[in-house]
Amino acid sequence: DLPKMDGFGLANPFVCISLFSPDAGSARAIMTTHDTLKAQVSTTIKQQTLNPSWSQRFVLDRLHPDASKVRQEGLHGNLQVLFSIHDRDSSGQESQIGGAVVQVGACSRTE
């Protein structure tokens, strides 16, 4: 479960997803500057829950800064995907809750 983020003991979570290369910096540095990354997509916001679930699909090669090259050569195993979970409160303010970094090489490709 997610931590309680509001006065009612709930959260309005969503996940930002970004693709980056290891030379962009450490995972911790990337997570703290996540909002400045240009190549990102976000899930929908789940209202008032501490146990969200998403059934959304994203095409990661479209997030890469050189998408045309990726379509020709494929995603390389040295790329990383950052999943950063955030909470949006009723006033529209966002707070980062946590996140995880996954090596692209650890993922299987589906068409």
Protein backbone atom coordinates (compact mmCIF):
# COMPACT_ATOMS: atom_id res chain seq x y z
CA ASP A 1 0.00 0.00 0.00
CA LEU A 2 1.00 3.61 -0.55
CA PRO A 3 1.53 6.02 2.35
CA LYS A 4 -1.38 8.24 3.42
CA MET A 5 -1.04 11.56 1.61
CA ASP A 6 -4.05 13.59 2.73
CA GLY A 7 -6.12 14.35 5.81
CA PHE A 8 -8.52 11.51 4.97
CA GLY A 9 -5.72 8.92 5.00
CA LEU A 10 -5.81 8.38 1.22
CA ALA A 11 -3.89 9.36 -1.94
CA ASN A 12 -4.67 10.29 -5.55
CA PRO A 13 -1.74 8.50 -7.20
CA PHE A 14 -0.42 8.44 -10.75
CA VAL A 15 2.81 7.16 -12.27
CA CYS A 16 5.21 9.07 -14.53
CA ILE A 17 7.28 6.91 -16.87
CA SER A 18 10.54 8.08 -18.45
CA LEU A 19 13.21 6.43 -20.54
CA PHE A 20 16.84 7.48 -20.03
CA SER A 21 20.39 6.26 -20.48
CA PRO A 22 22.72 5.47 -17.56
CA ASP A 23 24.99 8.39 -18.49
CA ALA A 24 22.10 10.73 -17.52
CA GLY A 25 23.14 10.25 -13.88
CA SER A 26 22.43 7.96 -10.97
CA ALA A 27 18.94 6.58 -10.40
CA ARG A 28 18.62 8.69 -7.24
CA ALA A 29 19.60 11.87 -9.13
CA ILE A 30 17.18 11.04 -11.95
CA MET A 31 14.35 10.48 -9.46
CA THR A 32 14.91 13.81 -7.71
CA THR A 33 14.92 15.68 -11.04
CA HIS A 34 12.21 13.57 -12.68
CA ASP A 35 9.91 16.51 -13.32
CA THR A 36 12.55 18.12 -15.54
CA LEU A 37 12.81 15.12 -17.88
CA LYS A 38 11.25 15.87 -21.26
CA ALA A 39 10.52 12.33 -22.46
CA GLN A 40 7.77 11.10 -20.18
CA VAL A 41 4.22 9.81 -20.09
CA SER A 42 1.83 9.51 -17.17
CA THR A 43 -0.91 7.14 -16.14
CA THR A 44 -4.36 8.28 -15.19
CA ILE A 45 -4.89 9.50 -11.62
CA LYS A 46 -6.60 7.00 -9.33
CA GLN A 47 -8.80 8.84 -6.87
CA GLN A 48 -8.74 8.24 -3.11
CA THR A 49 -6.86 4.96 -2.85
CA LEU A 50 -3.76 3.53 -1.21
CA ASN A 51 -3.79 0.42 -3.41
CA PRO A 52 -3.99 1.63 -7.03
CA SER A 53 -3.94 -0.58 -10.10
CA TRP A 54 -3.44 0.53 -13.71
CA SER A 55 -4.14 -1.40 -16.89
CA GLN A 56 -2.52 1.01 -19.31
CA ARG A 57 0.04 0.35 -22.04
CA PHE A 58 2.77 2.67 -23.29
CA VAL A 59 5.13 2.24 -26.23
CA LEU A 60 8.56 2.96 -24.76
CA ASP A 61 10.46 3.46 -28.02
CA ARG A 62 8.35 6.57 -28.62
CA LEU A 63 9.75 8.07 -25.41
CA HIS A 64 13.34 7.90 -26.61
CA PRO A 65 14.80 11.24 -27.78
CA ASP A 66 15.88 9.62 -31.08
CA ALA A 67 12.75 7.58 -31.78
CA SER A 68 13.57 7.08 -35.48
CA LYS A 69 16.88 5.42 -34.59
CA VAL A 70 15.16 3.21 -32.01
CA ARG A 71 12.59 2.03 -34.59
CA GLN A 72 15.48 0.95 -36.83
CA GLU A 73 17.79 -0.57 -34.20
CA GLY A 74 15.48 -1.40 -31.27
CA LEU A 75 15.88 -0.38 -27.63
CA HIS A 76 19.30 -1.20 -26.23
CA GLY A 77 19.72 -3.02 -22.94
CA ASN A 78 21.67 -0.16 -21.38
CA LEU A 79 18.62 2.11 -21.31
CA GLN A 80 16.61 2.44 -18.11
CA VAL A 81 12.94 3.11 -17.39
CA LEU A 82 12.00 5.25 -14.41
CA PHE A 83 8.61 4.66 -12.79
CA SER A 84 7.95 7.56 -10.42
CA ILE A 85 4.74 7.56 -8.37
CA HIS A 86 3.16 10.86 -7.38
CA ASP A 87 0.12 12.11 -5.50
CA ARG A 88 -2.05 15.00 -6.70
CA ASP A 89 -4.06 16.74 -4.01
CA SER A 90 -7.38 18.54 -4.45
CA SER A 91 -5.62 21.88 -5.10
CA GLY A 92 -3.58 20.36 -7.94
CA GLN A 93 -0.30 20.21 -6.00
CA GLU A 94 1.84 17.14 -6.71
CA SER A 95 4.11 15.26 -4.31
CA GLN A 96 6.49 12.46 -5.19
CA ILE A 97 5.77 9.27 -3.23
CA GLY A 98 8.49 6.98 -4.56
CA GLY A 99 9.71 5.17 -7.62
CA ALA A 100 11.76 2.45 -9.22
CA VAL A 101 14.28 2.14 -12.04
CA VAL A 102 14.25 -0.91 -14.36
CA GLN A 103 16.90 -1.83 -16.95
CA VAL A 104 15.35 -2.16 -20.42
CA GLY A 105 17.43 -5.30 -20.95
CA ALA A 106 15.49 -6.92 -18.08
CA CYS A 107 12.19 -6.44 -19.91
CA SER A 108 10.74 -8.63 -22.61
CA ARG A 109 9.62 -7.03 -25.84
CA THR A 110 6.05 -7.45 -27.06
CA GLU A 111 4.54 -6.30 -30.32
